[in-house]
């Protein structure tokens, strides 16, 4: 795998969490960050393919004029994250 060096700033909270997860899993902090970026990118690309934001869709179910949200909740939960 070819990698490209990037430099960024993290909060102290983020840094501590990444260190703890990396230590627990026995991998580098860089591996945790790459996995997090991969996860985020998959979510964003999935939203674009679905044509929207699943969270906004879920919240919209409660304000869309549907008297009982149970009428649409199954459809929303079937969507891939």
PDB file of N, CA and C in Angstrom:
ATOM      1  N   UNK A   1       0.839  -1.165   0.000  1.00  0.00           N
ATOM      2  CA  UNK A   1       0.000   0.000   0.000  1.00  0.00           C
ATOM      3  C   UNK A   1       0.892   1.239   0.000  1.00  0.00           C
ATOM      4  N   UNK A   2       0.635   2.111  -0.935  1.00  0.00           N
ATOM      5  CA  UNK A   2       1.362   3.382  -0.998  1.00  0.00           C
ATOM      6  C   UNK A   2       0.664   4.361  -0.068  1.00  0.00           C
ATOM      7  N   UNK A   3       1.428   5.054   0.756  1.00  0.00           N
ATOM      8  CA  UNK A   3       0.831   6.021   1.666  1.00  0.00           C
ATOM      9  C   UNK A   3       1.404   7.405   1.408  1.00  0.00           C
ATOM     10  N   UNK A   4       0.632   8.412   1.734  1.00  0.00           N
ATOM     11  CA  UNK A   4       1.026   9.800   1.573  1.00  0.00           C
ATOM     12  C   UNK A   4       0.962  10.447   2.941  1.00  0.00           C
ATOM     13  N   UNK A   5       1.996  11.167   3.297  1.00  0.00           N
ATOM     14  CA  UNK A   5       2.057  11.810   4.604  1.00  0.00           C
ATOM     15  C   UNK A   5       1.173  13.053   4.618  1.00  0.00           C
ATOM     16  N   UNK A   6       0.358  13.161   5.653  1.00  0.00           N
ATOM     17  CA  UNK A   6      -0.483  14.330   5.879  1.00  0.00           C
ATOM     18  C   UNK A   6      -0.224  14.815   7.302  1.00  0.00           C
ATOM     19  N   UNK A   7      -0.372  16.092   7.517  1.00  0.00           N
ATOM     20  CA  UNK A   7      -0.208  16.639   8.855  1.00  0.00           C
ATOM     21  C   UNK A   7      -1.488  17.371   9.229  1.00  0.00           C
ATOM     22  N   UNK A   8      -1.981  17.125  10.434  1.00  0.00           N
ATOM     23  CA  UNK A   8      -3.222  17.748  10.883  1.00  0.00           C
ATOM     24  C   UNK A   8      -3.151  17.998  12.371  1.00  0.00           C
ATOM     25  N   UNK A   9      -4.136  18.663  12.897  1.00  0.00           N
ATOM     26  CA  UNK A   9      -4.220  18.938  14.317  1.00  0.00           C
ATOM     27  C   UNK A   9      -5.410  18.205  14.899  1.00  0.00           C
ATOM     28  N   UNK A  10      -5.206  17.607  16.068  1.00  0.00           N
ATOM     29  CA  UNK A  10      -6.261  16.904  16.792  1.00  0.00           C
ATOM     30  C   UNK A  10      -6.467  17.592  18.129  1.00  0.00           C
ATOM     31  N   UNK A  11      -7.646  17.420  18.676  1.00  0.00           N
ATOM     32  CA  UNK A  11      -7.862  17.888  20.044  1.00  0.00           C
ATOM     33  C   UNK A  11      -7.167  16.910  20.992  1.00  0.00           C
ATOM     34  N   UNK A  12      -6.940  17.352  22.213  1.00  0.00           N
ATOM     35  CA  UNK A  12      -6.328  16.466  23.208  1.00  0.00           C
ATOM     36  C   UNK A  12      -7.209  15.242  23.439  1.00  0.00           C
ATOM     37  N   UNK A  13      -8.523  15.450  23.427  1.00  0.00           N
ATOM     38  CA  UNK A  13      -9.462  14.345  23.612  1.00  0.00           C
ATOM     39  C   UNK A  13      -9.333  13.323  22.488  1.00  0.00           C
ATOM     40  N   UNK A  14      -9.277  13.803  21.232  1.00  0.00           N
ATOM     41  CA  UNK A  14      -9.133  12.896  20.088  1.00  0.00           C
ATOM     42  C   UNK A  14      -7.820  12.126  20.178  1.00  0.00           C
ATOM     43  N   UNK A  15      -6.752  12.829  20.517  1.00  0.00           N
ATOM     44  CA  UNK A  15      -5.432  12.199  20.611  1.00  0.00           C
ATOM     45  C   UNK A  15      -5.431  11.092  21.659  1.00  0.00           C
ATOM     46  N   UNK A  16      -6.003  11.370  22.823  1.00  0.00           N
ATOM     47  CA  UNK A  16      -6.042  10.368  23.890  1.00  0.00           C
ATOM     48  C   UNK A  16      -6.859   9.151  23.477  1.00  0.00           C
ATOM     49  N   UNK A  17      -7.987   9.372  22.826  1.00  0.00           N
ATOM     50  CA  UNK A  17      -8.825   8.248  22.388  1.00  0.00           C
ATOM     51  C   UNK A  17      -8.107   7.400  21.348  1.00  0.00           C
ATOM     52  N   UNK A  18      -7.454   8.060  20.389  1.00  0.00           N
ATOM     53  CA  UNK A  18      -6.729   7.328  19.344  1.00  0.00           C
ATOM     54  C   UNK A  18      -5.602   6.505  19.954  1.00  0.00           C
ATOM     55  N   UNK A  19      -4.859   7.103  20.874  1.00  0.00           N
ATOM     56  CA  UNK A  19      -3.774   6.372  21.541  1.00  0.00           C
ATOM     57  C   UNK A  19      -4.314   5.142  22.276  1.00  0.00           C
ATOM     58  N   UNK A  20      -5.419   5.317  22.994  1.00  0.00           N
ATOM     59  CA  UNK A  20      -5.990   4.209  23.761  1.00  0.00           C
ATOM     60  C   UNK A  20      -6.475   3.086  22.840  1.00  0.00           C
ATOM     61  N   UNK A  21      -7.155   3.441  21.763  1.00  0.00           N
ATOM     62  CA  UNK A  21      -7.654   2.425  20.829  1.00  0.00           C
ATOM     63  C   UNK A  21      -6.490   1.699  20.158  1.00  0.00           C
ATOM     64  N   UNK A  22      -5.483   2.453  19.737  1.00  0.00           N
ATOM     65  CA  UNK A  22      -4.326   1.835  19.075  1.00  0.00           C
ATOM     66  C   UNK A  22      -3.608   0.878  20.015  1.00  0.00           C
ATOM     67  N   UNK A  23      -3.420   1.290  21.264  1.00  0.00           N
ATOM     68  CA  UNK A  23      -2.747   0.427  22.236  1.00  0.00           C
ATOM     69  C   UNK A  23      -3.555  -0.843  22.496  1.00  0.00           C
ATOM     70  N   UNK A  24      -4.854  -0.681  22.659  1.00  0.00           N
ATOM     71  CA  UNK A  24      -5.722  -1.834  22.927  1.00  0.00           C
ATOM     72  C   UNK A  24      -5.708  -2.823  21.770  1.00  0.00           C
ATOM     73  N   UNK A  25      -5.672  -2.316  20.531  1.00  0.00           N
ATOM     74  CA  UNK A  25      -5.697  -3.186  19.354  1.00  0.00           C
ATOM     75  C   UNK A  25      -4.317  -3.620  18.907  1.00  0.00           C
ATOM     76  N   UNK A  26      -3.261  -3.004  19.443  1.00  0.00           N
ATOM     77  CA  UNK A  26      -1.905  -3.380  19.066  1.00  0.00           C
ATOM     78  C   UNK A  26      -1.526  -2.926  17.667  1.00  0.00           C
ATOM     79  N   UNK A  27      -2.050  -1.771  17.251  1.00  0.00           N
ATOM     80  CA  UNK A  27      -1.728  -1.215  15.940  1.00  0.00           C
ATOM     81  C   UNK A  27      -1.242   0.214  16.125  1.00  0.00           C
ATOM     82  N   UNK A  28      -0.768   0.811  15.054  1.00  0.00           N
ATOM     83  CA  UNK A  28      -0.285   2.183  15.138  1.00  0.00           C
ATOM     84  C   UNK A  28      -1.447   3.172  15.157  1.00  0.00           C
ATOM     85  N   UNK A  29      -1.159   4.358  15.651  1.00  0.00           N
ATOM     86  CA  UNK A  29      -2.160   5.420  15.616  1.00  0.00           C
ATOM     87  C   UNK A  29      -2.509   5.764  14.170  1.00  0.00           C
ATOM     88  N   UNK A  30      -1.526   5.702  13.291  1.00  0.00           N
ATOM     89  CA  UNK A  30      -1.773   5.983  11.880  1.00  0.00           C
ATOM     90  C   UNK A  30      -2.793   5.007  11.301  1.00  0.00           C
ATOM     91  N   UNK A  31      -2.739   3.760  11.720  1.00  0.00           N
ATOM     92  CA  UNK A  31      -3.709   2.769  11.230  1.00  0.00           C
ATOM     93  C   UNK A  31      -5.121   3.124  11.690  1.00  0.00           C
ATOM     94  N   UNK A  32      -5.247   3.553  12.933  1.00  0.00           N
ATOM     95  CA  UNK A  32      -6.556   3.963  13.443  1.00  0.00           C
ATOM     96  C   UNK A  32      -7.081   5.145  12.636  1.00  0.00           C
ATOM     97  N   UNK A  33      -6.229   6.113  12.360  1.00  0.00           N
ATOM     98  CA  UNK A  33      -6.645   7.285  11.585  1.00  0.00           C
ATOM     99  C   UNK A  33      -7.039   6.898  10.163  1.00  0.00           C
ATOM    100  N   UNK A  34      -6.283   5.995   9.537  1.00  0.00           N
ATOM    101  CA  UNK A  34      -6.638   5.552   8.174  1.00  0.00           C
ATOM    102  C   UNK A  34      -7.991   4.850   8.173  1.00  0.00           C
ATOM    103  N   UNK A  35      -8.226   4.007   9.175  1.00  0.00           N
ATOM    104  CA  UNK A  35      -9.525   3.327   9.268  1.00  0.00           C
ATOM    105  C   UNK A  35     -10.655   4.337   9.462  1.00  0.00           C
ATOM    106  N   UNK A  36     -10.422   5.342  10.285  1.00  0.00           N
ATOM    107  CA  UNK A  36     -11.448   6.362  10.526  1.00  0.00           C
ATOM    108  C   UNK A  36     -11.750   7.137   9.251  1.00  0.00           C
ATOM    109  N   UNK A  37     -10.714   7.485   8.496  1.00  0.00           N
ATOM    110  CA  UNK A  37     -10.920   8.202   7.237  1.00  0.00           C
ATOM    111  C   UNK A  37     -11.662   7.316   6.248  1.00  0.00           C
ATOM    112  N   UNK A  38     -11.284   6.044   6.153  1.00  0.00           N
ATOM    113  CA  UNK A  38     -11.988   5.113   5.262  1.00  0.00           C
ATOM    114  C   UNK A  38     -13.470   5.020   5.627  1.00  0.00           C
ATOM    115  N   UNK A  39     -13.753   4.919   6.921  1.00  0.00           N
ATOM    116  CA  UNK A  39     -15.133   4.826   7.379  1.00  0.00           C
ATOM    117  C   UNK A  39     -15.904   6.088   7.006  1.00  0.00           C
ATOM    118  N   UNK A  40     -15.313   7.243   7.257  1.00  0.00           N
ATOM    119  CA  UNK A  40     -15.964   8.511   6.937  1.00  0.00           C
ATOM    120  C   UNK A  40     -16.232   8.627   5.437  1.00  0.00           C
ATOM    121  N   UNK A  41     -15.236   8.301   4.634  1.00  0.00           N
ATOM    122  CA  UNK A  41     -15.406   8.403   3.184  1.00  0.00           C
ATOM    123  C   UNK A  41     -16.500   7.473   2.676  1.00  0.00           C
ATOM    124  N   UNK A  42     -16.582   6.281   3.228  1.00  0.00           N
ATOM    125  CA  UNK A  42     -17.636   5.346   2.828  1.00  0.00           C
ATOM    126  C   UNK A  42     -19.007   5.914   3.174  1.00  0.00           C
ATOM    127  N   UNK A  43     -19.119   6.568   4.337  1.00  0.00           N
ATOM    128  CA  UNK A  43     -20.391   7.171   4.732  1.00  0.00           C
ATOM    129  C   UNK A  43     -20.780   8.293   3.782  1.00  0.00           C
ATOM    130  N   UNK A  44     -19.838   9.165   3.473  1.00  0.00           N
ATOM    131  CA  UNK A  44     -20.121  10.302   2.590  1.00  0.00           C
ATOM    132  C   UNK A  44     -20.477   9.812   1.194  1.00  0.00           C
ATOM    133  N   UNK A  45     -19.711   8.862   0.677  1.00  0.00           N
ATOM    134  CA  UNK A  45     -20.001   8.342  -0.657  1.00  0.00           C
ATOM    135  C   UNK A  45     -21.342   7.630  -0.682  1.00  0.00           C
ATOM    136  N   UNK A  46     -21.673   6.925   0.384  1.00  0.00           N
ATOM    137  CA  UNK A  46     -22.965   6.252   0.462  1.00  0.00           C
ATOM    138  C   UNK A  46     -24.116   7.243   0.459  1.00  0.00           C
ATOM    139  N   UNK A  47     -23.948   8.349   1.180  1.00  0.00           N
ATOM    140  CA  UNK A  47     -24.978   9.385   1.198  1.00  0.00           C
ATOM    141  C   UNK A  47     -25.169   9.971  -0.196  1.00  0.00           C
ATOM    142  N   UNK A  48     -24.061  10.203  -0.893  1.00  0.00           N
ATOM    143  CA  UNK A  48     -24.158  10.770  -2.234  1.00  0.00           C
ATOM    144  C   UNK A  48     -24.862   9.813  -3.181  1.00  0.00           C
ATOM    145  N   UNK A  49     -24.562   8.510  -3.061  1.00  0.00           N
ATOM    146  CA  UNK A  49     -25.204   7.516  -3.921  1.00  0.00           C
ATOM    147  C   UNK A  49     -26.694   7.418  -3.627  1.00  0.00           C
ATOM    148  N   UNK A  50     -27.066   7.586  -2.343  1.00  0.00           N
ATOM    149  CA  UNK A  50     -28.483   7.516  -1.967  1.00  0.00           C
ATOM    150  C   UNK A  50     -29.183   8.835  -2.233  1.00  0.00           C
ATOM    151  N   UNK A  51     -28.403   9.859  -2.552  1.00  0.00           N
ATOM    152  CA  UNK A  51     -29.000  11.151  -2.862  1.00  0.00           C
ATOM    153  C   UNK A  51     -29.419  11.939  -1.645  1.00  0.00           C
ATOM    154  N   UNK A  52     -28.785  11.696  -0.525  1.00  0.00           N
ATOM    155  CA  UNK A  52     -29.162  12.482   0.636  1.00  0.00           C
ATOM    156  C   UNK A  52     -28.453  12.061   1.898  1.00  0.00           C
ATOM    157  N   UNK A  53     -28.943  12.571   2.973  1.00  0.00           N
ATOM    158  CA  UNK A  53     -28.386  12.351   4.295  1.00  0.00           C
ATOM    159  C   UNK A  53     -29.371  11.508   5.097  1.00  0.00           C
ATOM    160  N   UNK A  54     -28.977  10.281   5.457  1.00  0.00           N
ATOM    161  CA  UNK A  54     -29.896   9.375   6.133  1.00  0.00           C
ATOM    162  C   UNK A  54     -30.362   9.929   7.469  1.00  0.00           C
ATOM    163  N   UNK A  55     -29.515  10.674   8.171  1.00  0.00           N
ATOM    164  CA  UNK A  55     -29.931  11.219   9.454  1.00  0.00           C
ATOM    165  C   UNK A  55     -31.001  12.288   9.254  1.00  0.00           C
ATOM    166  N   UNK A  56     -30.799  13.144   8.264  1.00  0.00           N
ATOM    167  CA  UNK A  56     -31.817  14.158   7.975  1.00  0.00           C
ATOM    168  C   UNK A  56     -33.118  13.488   7.555  1.00  0.00           C
ATOM    169  N   UNK A  57     -33.030  12.408   6.786  1.00  0.00           N
ATOM    170  CA  UNK A  57     -34.228  11.670   6.389  1.00  0.00           C
ATOM    171  C   UNK A  57     -34.954  11.118   7.615  1.00  0.00           C
ATOM    172  N   UNK A  58     -34.172  10.567   8.556  1.00  0.00           N
ATOM    173  CA  UNK A  58     -34.774  10.012   9.764  1.00  0.00           C
ATOM    174  C   UNK A  58     -35.449  11.111  10.567  1.00  0.00           C
ATOM    175  N   UNK A  59     -34.766  12.214  10.758  1.00  0.00           N
ATOM    176  CA  UNK A  59     -35.358  13.316  11.507  1.00  0.00           C
ATOM    177  C   UNK A  59     -36.573  13.880  10.784  1.00  0.00           C
ATOM    178  N   UNK A  60     -36.527  13.911   9.475  1.00  0.00           N
ATOM    179  CA  UNK A  60     -37.651  14.396   8.683  1.00  0.00           C
ATOM    180  C   UNK A  60     -38.885  13.539   8.838  1.00  0.00           C
ATOM    181  N   UNK A  61     -38.706  12.282   9.189  1.00  0.00           N
ATOM    182  CA  UNK A  61     -39.850  11.397   9.379  1.00  0.00           C
ATOM    183  C   UNK A  61     -40.745  11.898  10.506  1.00  0.00           C
ATOM    184  N   UNK A  62     -40.154  12.632  11.425  1.00  0.00           N
ATOM    185  CA  UNK A  62     -40.926  13.118  12.565  1.00  0.00           C
ATOM    186  C   UNK A  62     -41.568  14.476  12.308  1.00  0.00           C
ATOM    187  N   UNK A  63     -41.188  15.115  11.203  1.00  0.00           N
ATOM    188  CA  UNK A  63     -41.742  16.437  10.905  1.00  0.00           C
ATOM    189  C   UNK A  63     -42.379  16.482   9.524  1.00  0.00           C
ATOM    190  N   UNK A  64     -42.549  15.345   8.897  1.00  0.00           N
ATOM    191  CA  UNK A  64     -43.037  15.305   7.520  1.00  0.00           C
ATOM    192  C   UNK A  64     -44.556  15.273   7.428  1.00  0.00           C
ATOM    193  N   UNK A  65     -45.234  15.544   8.526  1.00  0.00           N
ATOM    194  CA  UNK A  65     -46.682  15.531   8.491  1.00  0.00           C
ATOM    195  C   UNK A  65     -47.269  14.139   8.633  1.00  0.00           C
ATOM    196  N   UNK A  66     -46.435  13.161   8.919  1.00  0.00           N
ATOM    197  CA  UNK A  66     -46.919  11.801   9.138  1.00  0.00           C
ATOM    198  C   UNK A  66     -47.331  11.702  10.603  1.00  0.00           C
ATOM    199  N   UNK A  67     -48.617  11.431  10.881  1.00  0.00           N
ATOM    200  CA  UNK A  67     -49.052  11.420  12.267  1.00  0.00           C
ATOM    201  C   UNK A  67     -48.379  10.351  13.115  1.00  0.00           C
ATOM    202  N   UNK A  68     -48.013   9.248  12.501  1.00  0.00           N
ATOM    203  CA  UNK A  68     -47.385   8.156  13.233  1.00  0.00           C
ATOM    204  C   UNK A  68     -46.101   7.786  12.502  1.00  0.00           C
ATOM    205  N   UNK A  69     -44.939   8.103  13.108  1.00  0.00           N
ATOM    206  CA  UNK A  69     -43.651   7.844  12.468  1.00  0.00           C
ATOM    207  C   UNK A  69     -43.411   6.378  12.157  1.00  0.00           C
ATOM    208  N   UNK A  70     -44.149   5.485  12.813  1.00  0.00           N
ATOM    209  CA  UNK A  70     -43.955   4.058  12.557  1.00  0.00           C
ATOM    210  C   UNK A  70     -44.329   3.673  11.134  1.00  0.00           C
ATOM    211  N   UNK A  71     -45.052   4.545  10.450  1.00  0.00           N
ATOM    212  CA  UNK A  71     -45.435   4.251   9.072  1.00  0.00           C
ATOM    213  C   UNK A  71     -44.246   4.287   8.120  1.00  0.00           C
ATOM    214  N   UNK A  72     -43.187   5.016   8.477  1.00  0.00           N
ATOM    215  CA  UNK A  72     -42.033   5.143   7.581  1.00  0.00           C
ATOM    216  C   UNK A  72     -40.723   4.685   8.204  1.00  0.00           C
ATOM    217  N   UNK A  73     -40.704   4.382   9.489  1.00  0.00           N
ATOM    218  CA  UNK A  73     -39.447   4.071  10.163  1.00  0.00           C
ATOM    219  C   UNK A  73     -38.788   2.806   9.596  1.00  0.00           C
ATOM    220  N   UNK A  74     -39.563   1.794   9.230  1.00  0.00           N
ATOM    221  CA  UNK A  74     -38.969   0.576   8.678  1.00  0.00           C
ATOM    222  C   UNK A  74     -38.228   0.861   7.383  1.00  0.00           C
ATOM    223  N   UNK A  75     -38.776   1.711   6.538  1.00  0.00           N
ATOM    224  CA  UNK A  75     -38.112   2.063   5.292  1.00  0.00           C
ATOM    225  C   UNK A  75     -36.789   2.770   5.564  1.00  0.00           C
ATOM    226  N   UNK A  76     -36.779   3.661   6.516  1.00  0.00           N
ATOM    227  CA  UNK A  76     -35.566   4.401   6.837  1.00  0.00           C
ATOM    228  C   UNK A  76     -34.500   3.483   7.409  1.00  0.00           C
ATOM    229  N   UNK A  77     -34.869   2.587   8.313  1.00  0.00           N
ATOM    230  CA  UNK A  77     -33.885   1.703   8.938  1.00  0.00           C
ATOM    231  C   UNK A  77     -33.342   0.655   7.968  1.00  0.00           C
ATOM    232  N   UNK A  78     -34.025   0.369   6.896  1.00  0.00           N
ATOM    233  CA  UNK A  78     -33.529  -0.594   5.910  1.00  0.00           C
ATOM    234  C   UNK A  78     -32.412  -0.007   5.067  1.00  0.00           C
ATOM    235  N   UNK A  79     -32.245   1.297   5.078  1.00  0.00           N
ATOM    236  CA  UNK A  79     -31.211   1.931   4.261  1.00  0.00           C
ATOM    237  C   UNK A  79     -29.829   1.584   4.817  1.00  0.00           C
ATOM    238  N   UNK A  80     -28.877   1.332   3.936  1.00  0.00           N
ATOM    239  CA  UNK A  80     -27.519   1.029   4.414  1.00  0.00           C
ATOM    240  C   UNK A  80     -26.889   2.272   5.019  1.00  0.00           C
ATOM    241  N   UNK A  81     -26.101   2.064   6.037  1.00  0.00           N
ATOM    242  CA  UNK A  81     -25.390   3.175   6.657  1.00  0.00           C
ATOM    243  C   UNK A  81     -24.139   3.343   5.894  1.00  0.00           C
TER     244      UNK A  81
END
